[in-house]
């Protein structure tokens, strides 16, 4: 092959790259009625990539049965404590509930409106839910979506695997997008009233749903990053982009939780989860070749992505850059001057550089969103 032809072959555009996580599923699919032209790219006989052997202590990441057994351990211990503690440890708190129940109830909060604060037990809750999402992910991709994919005529194992991944993504982002919206309706920030991100800061006493939602989101992204870093699945061509996305996401959620800025965190999560649900649904329709439905769903995806991931994200960026400097201000009344310091005992961390700390990862995330938005635009044009 001549150098010119090699250069042309090597310059495959992203929107026609079958290995790209966003563009690949929107490429024309092999007709369902025809025989597959080649073996699955995940097959060891047809690809240079072979799944990395899983060490015994990580079996729960890829085997649902192992994850399920691990999930049962704290539950069995919890029930055992509830049954036996009255006889030898009456009055002591069950130590195993922290694995699957949120901790940190504020003692002074009303029974009618309970509130929760941060605690070190949150790390235990996150770790447990990393295992939980590993179990749910494998259960959906293998036990639920694989038969559905075969029912719709998919035969290549690579496409069946990708179909399962998008089925799980649809379930996860659809559920958490709706849950995030439900939580926002309980907060003064509804609908993206950005000034309430900062009014009455710090927001350290959380509603129970908000705390559970936040920690489970964190567990999900830790689990996703774990799978990618350990390369338990075949890496995609945009592997580095996805790693960067996961790291920035964990940076955002971790810092916002630590700094008692969960109101803005909920808003960012919603702006990401809802369009991701549209994305997963559109990919599924393309895999099963429902031509008219996939065109309509892609148009809906493009509109949802543009609104949530750009318009609303720019609105959040604007708030961080322009509304934070207003506080406290004689005419704004957003927060008191005493909150503009680092004092962990009071849960305030708004030192002078904090707005840059919040703004930077949001801006990095927006750069990734713009990159993927232009790719969607090129796919639509094609």
Protein backbone atom coordinates (compact mmCIF):
# COMPACT_ATOMS: atom_id res chain seq x y z
CA UNK A 1 0.00 0.00 0.00
CA UNK A 2 1.36 3.43 -0.92
CA UNK A 3 2.09 6.00 1.83
CA UNK A 4 -0.75 8.16 0.54
CA UNK A 5 -3.27 5.34 0.83
CA UNK A 6 -1.97 4.38 4.25
CA UNK A 7 -2.37 7.97 5.39
CA UNK A 8 -5.89 8.04 4.01
CA UNK A 9 -6.74 4.77 5.78
CA UNK A 10 -5.23 6.00 9.01
CA UNK A 11 -7.20 9.24 8.99
CA UNK A 12 -10.51 7.59 9.77
CA UNK A 13 -12.82 10.35 10.97
CA UNK A 14 -14.28 10.02 14.42
CA UNK A 15 -17.87 10.01 13.25
CA UNK A 16 -17.18 6.89 11.16
CA UNK A 17 -15.04 5.11 13.74
CA UNK A 18 -16.81 1.89 14.82
CA UNK A 19 -14.74 1.70 18.02
CA UNK A 20 -15.72 5.15 19.30
CA UNK A 21 -18.18 5.01 22.23
CA UNK A 22 -20.39 7.77 20.81
CA UNK A 23 -20.07 7.39 17.04
CA UNK A 24 -19.77 3.61 16.73
CA UNK A 25 -23.34 2.68 17.64
CA UNK A 26 -24.74 5.19 15.11
CA UNK A 27 -22.93 3.65 12.15
CA UNK A 28 -25.05 1.61 9.70
CA UNK A 29 -25.50 -1.83 11.25
CA UNK A 30 -25.12 -5.22 9.60
CA UNK A 31 -28.59 -6.19 8.31
CA UNK A 32 -30.24 -8.46 10.84
CA UNK A 33 -31.30 -10.92 8.20
CA UNK A 34 -27.79 -11.39 6.84
CA UNK A 35 -25.04 -13.55 8.24
CA UNK A 36 -22.31 -11.80 10.19
CA UNK A 37 -19.29 -11.18 8.01
CA UNK A 38 -16.75 -11.78 10.74
CA UNK A 39 -16.37 -13.03 14.24
CA UNK A 40 -16.93 -10.71 17.15
CA UNK A 41 -14.05 -8.31 17.79
CA UNK A 42 -14.12 -9.43 21.42
CA UNK A 43 -13.43 -13.01 20.44
CA UNK A 44 -9.88 -14.08 21.37
CA UNK A 45 -9.54 -15.78 17.99
CA UNK A 46 -10.26 -12.66 15.98
CA UNK A 47 -8.83 -9.88 18.06
CA UNK A 48 -5.54 -9.09 19.70
CA UNK A 49 -7.35 -8.09 22.89
CA UNK A 50 -8.12 -10.67 25.54
CA UNK A 51 -9.88 -9.87 28.79
CA UNK A 52 -7.45 -9.50 31.66
CA UNK A 53 -7.64 -12.41 34.11
CA UNK A 54 -9.57 -11.44 37.22
CA UNK A 55 -7.83 -12.00 40.52
CA UNK A 56 -10.01 -13.83 43.08
CA UNK A 57 -10.64 -10.77 45.24
CA UNK A 58 -12.07 -8.90 42.20
CA UNK A 59 -14.41 -11.61 40.94
CA UNK A 60 -17.35 -9.56 42.17
CA UNK A 61 -16.63 -6.94 39.49
CA UNK A 62 -17.47 -9.30 36.62
CA UNK A 63 -19.43 -12.20 38.12
CA UNK A 64 -22.94 -11.37 39.39
CA UNK A 65 -23.03 -14.42 41.67
CA UNK A 66 -19.83 -13.32 43.46
CA UNK A 67 -21.15 -9.76 43.85
CA UNK A 68 -24.47 -11.07 45.18
CA UNK A 69 -22.74 -13.20 47.82
CA UNK A 70 -20.66 -10.23 48.90
CA UNK A 71 -23.76 -8.05 49.13
CA UNK A 72 -25.48 -10.61 51.35
CA UNK A 73 -22.75 -10.63 54.01
CA UNK A 74 -23.59 -7.24 55.65
CA UNK A 75 -27.32 -7.96 55.39
CA UNK A 76 -26.97 -11.32 57.17
CA UNK A 77 -24.76 -9.75 59.84
CA UNK A 78 -27.26 -6.90 60.25
CA UNK A 79 -30.18 -9.29 60.74
CA UNK A 80 -28.13 -11.45 63.10
CA UNK A 81 -27.35 -8.37 65.21
CA UNK A 82 -31.01 -7.32 65.28
CA UNK A 83 -32.01 -10.78 66.52
CA UNK A 84 -29.27 -11.30 69.10
CA UNK A 85 -28.26 -7.81 70.29
CA UNK A 86 -31.25 -7.38 72.67
CA UNK A 87 -29.79 -10.22 74.75
CA UNK A 88 -26.19 -9.06 75.07
CA UNK A 89 -25.82 -5.53 73.64
CA UNK A 90 -29.10 -3.80 74.26
CA UNK A 91 -29.10 -0.15 73.21
CA UNK A 92 -26.04 -0.38 70.95
CA UNK A 93 -26.43 0.75 67.36
CA UNK A 94 -26.26 -1.96 64.73
CA UNK A 95 -22.81 -1.44 63.16
CA UNK A 96 -23.70 -3.24 59.92
CA UNK A 97 -26.50 -0.93 58.83
CA UNK A 98 -23.98 1.61 57.54
CA UNK A 99 -23.20 -0.66 54.60
CA UNK A 100 -26.60 -0.25 52.96
CA UNK A 101 -28.34 2.50 55.00
CA UNK A 102 -27.23 6.12 55.07
CA UNK A 103 -25.61 7.32 58.30
CA UNK A 104 -25.17 10.66 60.01
CA UNK A 105 -28.67 11.58 61.15
CA UNK A 106 -28.62 15.07 62.66
CA UNK A 107 -29.89 14.51 66.24
CA UNK A 108 -31.62 17.88 66.39
CA UNK A 109 -33.53 17.44 63.13
CA UNK A 110 -37.28 16.99 63.23
CA UNK A 111 -38.75 13.49 62.80
CA UNK A 112 -41.03 15.02 60.17
CA UNK A 113 -38.07 16.47 58.27
CA UNK A 114 -34.98 14.37 59.10
CA UNK A 115 -31.61 15.69 58.01
CA UNK A 116 -28.26 13.99 57.53
CA UNK A 117 -24.68 15.19 57.61
CA UNK A 118 -21.40 13.81 56.31
CA UNK A 119 -19.74 11.00 58.22
CA UNK A 120 -16.86 8.57 57.72
CA UNK A 121 -19.44 5.80 57.41
CA UNK A 122 -20.29 7.29 54.01
CA UNK A 123 -17.14 5.58 52.68
CA UNK A 124 -18.55 2.21 53.77
CA UNK A 125 -21.86 2.99 52.04
CA UNK A 126 -20.03 3.95 48.84
CA UNK A 127 -17.90 0.80 48.88
CA UNK A 128 -20.98 -1.39 49.35
CA UNK A 129 -22.75 0.30 46.44
CA UNK A 130 -19.74 -0.12 44.18
CA UNK A 131 -20.34 -3.85 44.62
CA UNK A 132 -24.09 -3.31 44.21
CA UNK A 133 -23.67 -1.56 40.86
CA UNK A 134 -21.30 -4.28 39.69
CA UNK A 135 -24.02 -6.81 40.46
CA UNK A 136 -26.80 -4.80 38.79
CA UNK A 137 -24.66 -4.00 35.76
CA UNK A 138 -23.78 -7.61 35.05
CA UNK A 139 -27.32 -8.78 35.82
CA UNK A 140 -28.83 -6.36 33.30
CA UNK A 141 -26.21 -6.72 30.56
CA UNK A 142 -26.01 -10.53 30.74
CA UNK A 143 -29.30 -11.83 32.07
CA UNK A 144 -31.72 -9.22 30.74
CA UNK A 145 -30.28 -7.55 27.65
CA UNK A 146 -28.53 -10.50 26.05
CA UNK A 147 -31.80 -12.43 25.41
CA UNK A 148 -33.44 -9.20 24.21
CA UNK A 149 -30.58 -8.57 21.77
CA UNK A 150 -30.89 -12.09 20.38
CA UNK A 151 -34.66 -11.70 20.11
CA UNK A 152 -34.12 -8.66 17.86
CA UNK A 153 -31.73 -10.63 15.67
CA UNK A 154 -28.31 -9.53 16.87
CA UNK A 155 -25.79 -12.33 16.42
CA UNK A 156 -22.30 -10.90 16.74
CA UNK A 157 -21.13 -11.16 20.32
CA UNK A 158 -19.55 -7.70 20.20
CA UNK A 159 -22.87 -6.07 19.32
CA UNK A 160 -24.73 -8.12 21.91
CA UNK A 161 -22.23 -6.93 24.51
CA UNK A 162 -22.59 -3.28 23.44
CA UNK A 163 -26.38 -3.65 23.40
CA UNK A 164 -26.21 -4.85 26.99
CA UNK A 165 -24.03 -1.91 28.00
CA UNK A 166 -26.52 0.55 26.53
CA UNK A 167 -29.43 -1.28 28.13
CA UNK A 168 -27.77 -0.85 31.51
CA UNK A 169 -27.00 2.80 30.72
CA UNK A 170 -30.64 3.43 29.83
CA UNK A 171 -31.85 1.89 33.09
CA UNK A 172 -29.28 3.71 35.21
CA UNK A 173 -29.48 7.18 33.66
CA UNK A 174 -33.24 7.00 33.21
CA UNK A 175 -33.73 6.12 36.88
CA UNK A 176 -31.21 8.58 38.29
CA UNK A 177 -32.30 11.34 35.93
CA UNK A 178 -35.87 10.97 37.23
CA UNK A 179 -34.68 10.65 40.84
CA UNK A 180 -32.51 13.73 40.46
CA UNK A 181 -35.48 15.69 39.16
CA UNK A 182 -37.63 14.50 42.08
CA UNK A 183 -34.97 15.68 44.51
CA UNK A 184 -34.58 19.04 42.78
CA UNK A 185 -38.31 19.67 43.15
CA UNK A 186 -37.78 19.43 46.93
CA UNK A 187 -34.99 22.04 46.86
CA UNK A 188 -35.07 25.82 46.37
CA UNK A 189 -32.90 25.35 43.26
CA UNK A 190 -35.86 24.06 41.21
CA UNK A 191 -35.74 24.70 38.15
CA UNK A 192 -32.06 25.73 37.98
CA UNK A 193 -32.54 28.77 40.22
CA UNK A 194 -28.78 29.13 40.44
CA UNK A 195 -28.67 31.79 43.15
CA UNK A 196 -29.84 29.17 45.63
CA UNK A 197 -26.64 27.21 45.03
CA UNK A 198 -25.05 29.82 47.32
CA UNK A 199 -27.84 31.24 49.47
CA UNK A 200 -27.70 29.89 53.05
CA UNK A 201 -24.39 28.16 52.37
CA UNK A 202 -23.20 25.76 53.79
CA UNK A 203 -25.84 23.17 52.91
CA UNK A 204 -24.43 20.58 55.27
CA UNK A 205 -27.73 19.15 56.54
CA UNK A 206 -29.11 17.10 53.66
CA UNK A 207 -32.47 15.54 53.08
CA UNK A 208 -32.13 11.73 53.27
CA UNK A 209 -32.95 11.29 49.58
CA UNK A 210 -30.34 13.84 48.56
CA UNK A 211 -27.63 12.14 50.59
CA UNK A 212 -28.47 8.64 49.31
CA UNK A 213 -28.65 9.95 45.72
CA UNK A 214 -25.29 11.68 46.01
CA UNK A 215 -23.44 8.73 47.51
CA UNK A 216 -24.92 6.23 45.07
CA UNK A 217 -23.91 8.43 42.15
CA UNK A 218 -20.38 8.52 43.54
CA UNK A 219 -20.38 4.72 43.88
CA UNK A 220 -21.55 4.33 40.27
CA UNK A 221 -18.72 6.42 38.87
CA UNK A 222 -16.14 4.66 41.04
CA UNK A 223 -17.40 1.34 39.69
CA UNK A 224 -17.25 2.58 36.09
CA UNK A 225 -13.71 3.89 36.58
CA UNK A 226 -12.65 0.61 38.20
CA UNK A 227 -13.83 -1.41 35.21
CA UNK A 228 -12.00 0.88 32.79
CA UNK A 229 -8.73 1.18 34.71
CA UNK A 230 -8.50 -2.58 35.25
CA UNK A 231 -9.39 -3.06 31.55
CA UNK A 232 -11.93 -5.73 32.36
CA UNK A 233 -13.67 -4.80 29.10
CA UNK A 234 -12.21 -4.14 25.68
CA UNK A 235 -10.93 -0.53 25.66
CA UNK A 236 -12.54 1.75 23.09
CA UNK A 237 -10.70 4.12 20.78
CA UNK A 238 -11.72 7.07 22.98
CA UNK A 239 -10.52 5.32 26.13
CA UNK A 240 -8.53 8.36 27.29
CA UNK A 241 -11.50 10.69 26.82
CA UNK A 242 -13.70 8.43 28.93
CA UNK A 243 -11.06 8.10 31.65
CA UNK A 244 -10.76 11.90 31.73
CA UNK A 245 -14.57 12.21 31.94
CA UNK A 246 -14.80 9.78 34.85
CA UNK A 247 -11.96 11.45 36.76
CA UNK A 248 -13.43 14.93 36.30
CA UNK A 249 -16.85 13.64 37.36
CA UNK A 250 -15.42 12.11 40.54
CA UNK A 251 -13.47 15.31 41.17
CA UNK A 252 -16.69 17.30 40.95
CA UNK A 253 -18.84 15.03 43.07
CA UNK A 254 -16.18 14.43 45.71
CA UNK A 255 -15.31 18.09 46.23
CA UNK A 256 -18.90 19.30 46.10
CA UNK A 257 -19.91 16.75 48.73
CA UNK A 258 -16.93 17.53 50.94
CA UNK A 259 -17.54 21.30 50.67
CA UNK A 260 -21.29 21.05 51.38
CA UNK A 261 -22.25 22.19 47.88
CA UNK A 262 -24.72 19.42 47.10
CA UNK A 263 -27.32 21.76 45.57
CA UNK A 264 -25.11 22.56 42.60
CA UNK A 265 -24.04 18.90 42.49
CA UNK A 266 -27.62 17.78 42.04
CA UNK A 267 -28.06 20.28 39.20
CA UNK A 268 -24.92 19.08 37.41
CA UNK A 269 -25.88 15.43 37.79
CA UNK A 270 -29.30 16.07 36.26
CA UNK A 271 -27.80 17.95 33.33
CA UNK A 272 -25.64 14.91 32.57
CA UNK A 273 -27.94 11.98 33.36
CA UNK A 274 -31.02 12.98 31.38
CA UNK A 275 -29.27 13.40 28.00
CA UNK A 276 -27.29 10.20 28.68
CA UNK A 277 -30.60 8.34 28.93
CA UNK A 278 -31.58 9.74 25.51
CA UNK A 279 -28.16 8.71 24.17
CA UNK A 280 -28.47 5.12 25.39
CA UNK A 281 -32.02 4.79 24.00
CA UNK A 282 -30.95 6.15 20.62
CA UNK A 283 -28.04 3.70 20.45
CA UNK A 284 -30.32 0.76 21.26
CA UNK A 285 -32.72 1.71 18.45
CA UNK A 286 -29.82 1.92 16.02
CA UNK A 287 -28.57 -1.52 17.03
CA UNK A 288 -31.96 -3.12 16.32
CA UNK A 289 -32.40 -1.01 13.15
CA UNK A 290 -35.72 0.63 13.83
CA UNK A 291 -35.05 3.22 11.16
CA UNK A 292 -37.82 5.75 11.70
CA UNK A 293 -37.69 5.47 15.49
CA UNK A 294 -33.93 5.92 15.60
CA UNK A 295 -34.14 9.12 13.53
CA UNK A 296 -36.76 10.57 15.87
CA UNK A 297 -34.80 9.48 18.95
CA UNK A 298 -31.59 10.99 17.56
CA UNK A 299 -33.35 14.31 17.02
CA UNK A 300 -34.63 14.15 20.61
CA UNK A 301 -31.12 13.28 21.79
CA UNK A 302 -29.62 16.24 19.96
CA UNK A 303 -32.18 18.61 21.48
CA UNK A 304 -31.81 17.17 25.01
CA UNK A 305 -28.01 17.20 24.79
CA UNK A 306 -27.96 20.81 23.58
CA UNK A 307 -30.31 21.99 26.32
CA UNK A 308 -29.04 20.04 29.32
CA UNK A 309 -25.34 19.68 28.61
CA UNK A 310 -24.79 23.11 27.13
CA UNK A 311 -27.46 25.66 27.92
CA UNK A 312 -27.91 24.55 31.52
CA UNK A 313 -24.22 23.83 32.02
CA UNK A 314 -23.30 27.29 30.76
CA UNK A 315 -25.91 28.68 33.14
CA UNK A 316 -24.17 26.83 36.01
CA UNK A 317 -20.75 28.09 34.86
CA UNK A 318 -22.13 31.62 34.73
CA UNK A 319 -23.42 31.26 38.27
CA UNK A 320 -20.06 30.03 39.56
CA UNK A 321 -18.15 32.83 37.86
CA UNK A 322 -20.54 35.76 38.40
CA UNK A 323 -22.81 34.91 41.34
CA UNK A 324 -20.21 33.57 43.78
CA UNK A 325 -18.24 36.86 43.81
CA UNK A 326 -21.45 38.68 44.76
CA UNK A 327 -21.54 37.11 48.18
CA UNK A 328 -22.06 38.40 50.73
CA UNK A 329 -22.64 41.87 49.25
CA UNK A 330 -24.87 44.42 50.97
CA UNK A 331 -27.68 44.00 48.47
CA UNK A 332 -27.54 40.30 47.72
CA UNK A 333 -27.82 38.64 51.11
CA UNK A 334 -26.57 35.35 49.71
CA UNK A 335 -24.26 34.23 52.52
CA UNK A 336 -22.56 35.85 55.44
CA UNK A 337 -18.97 37.03 55.44
CA UNK A 338 -18.20 34.35 58.04
CA UNK A 339 -18.72 31.66 55.40
CA UNK A 340 -15.84 32.95 53.28
CA UNK A 341 -13.18 31.01 55.14
CA UNK A 342 -11.99 27.44 55.72
CA UNK A 343 -13.56 26.21 58.95
CA UNK A 344 -14.34 22.48 58.96
CA UNK A 345 -16.03 22.71 62.37
CA UNK A 346 -18.77 24.86 60.82
CA UNK A 347 -18.70 23.19 57.40
CA UNK A 348 -17.63 26.33 55.51
CA UNK A 349 -14.86 26.25 52.91
CA UNK A 350 -15.38 29.33 50.74
CA UNK A 351 -11.84 30.64 50.74
CA UNK A 352 -10.89 33.05 47.95
CA UNK A 353 -9.78 30.34 45.49
CA UNK A 354 -12.82 28.10 45.90
CA UNK A 355 -14.77 29.51 42.96
CA UNK A 356 -11.82 28.56 40.70
CA UNK A 357 -11.83 25.07 42.20
CA UNK A 358 -15.51 24.73 41.32
CA UNK A 359 -15.27 26.45 37.94
CA UNK A 360 -12.27 24.51 36.56
CA UNK A 361 -13.70 20.94 36.55
CA UNK A 362 -17.04 22.23 35.26
CA UNK A 363 -15.23 23.96 32.42
CA UNK A 364 -13.20 20.83 31.63
CA UNK A 365 -16.41 18.83 31.56
CA UNK A 366 -17.94 21.39 29.22
CA UNK A 367 -14.97 21.06 26.85
CA UNK A 368 -15.64 17.31 26.68
CA UNK A 369 -19.35 17.98 26.14
CA UNK A 370 -18.59 20.38 23.28
CA UNK A 371 -16.27 17.82 21.69
CA UNK A 372 -18.97 15.16 21.84
CA UNK A 373 -21.67 17.63 20.72
CA UNK A 374 -19.72 18.48 17.57
CA UNK A 375 -19.38 14.76 16.96
CA UNK A 376 -23.15 14.34 17.25
CA UNK A 377 -23.59 17.23 14.84
CA UNK A 378 -21.29 15.57 12.32
CA UNK A 379 -23.15 12.27 12.72
CA UNK A 380 -26.45 14.08 12.09
CA UNK A 381 -25.00 15.79 9.02
CA UNK A 382 -23.70 12.48 7.68
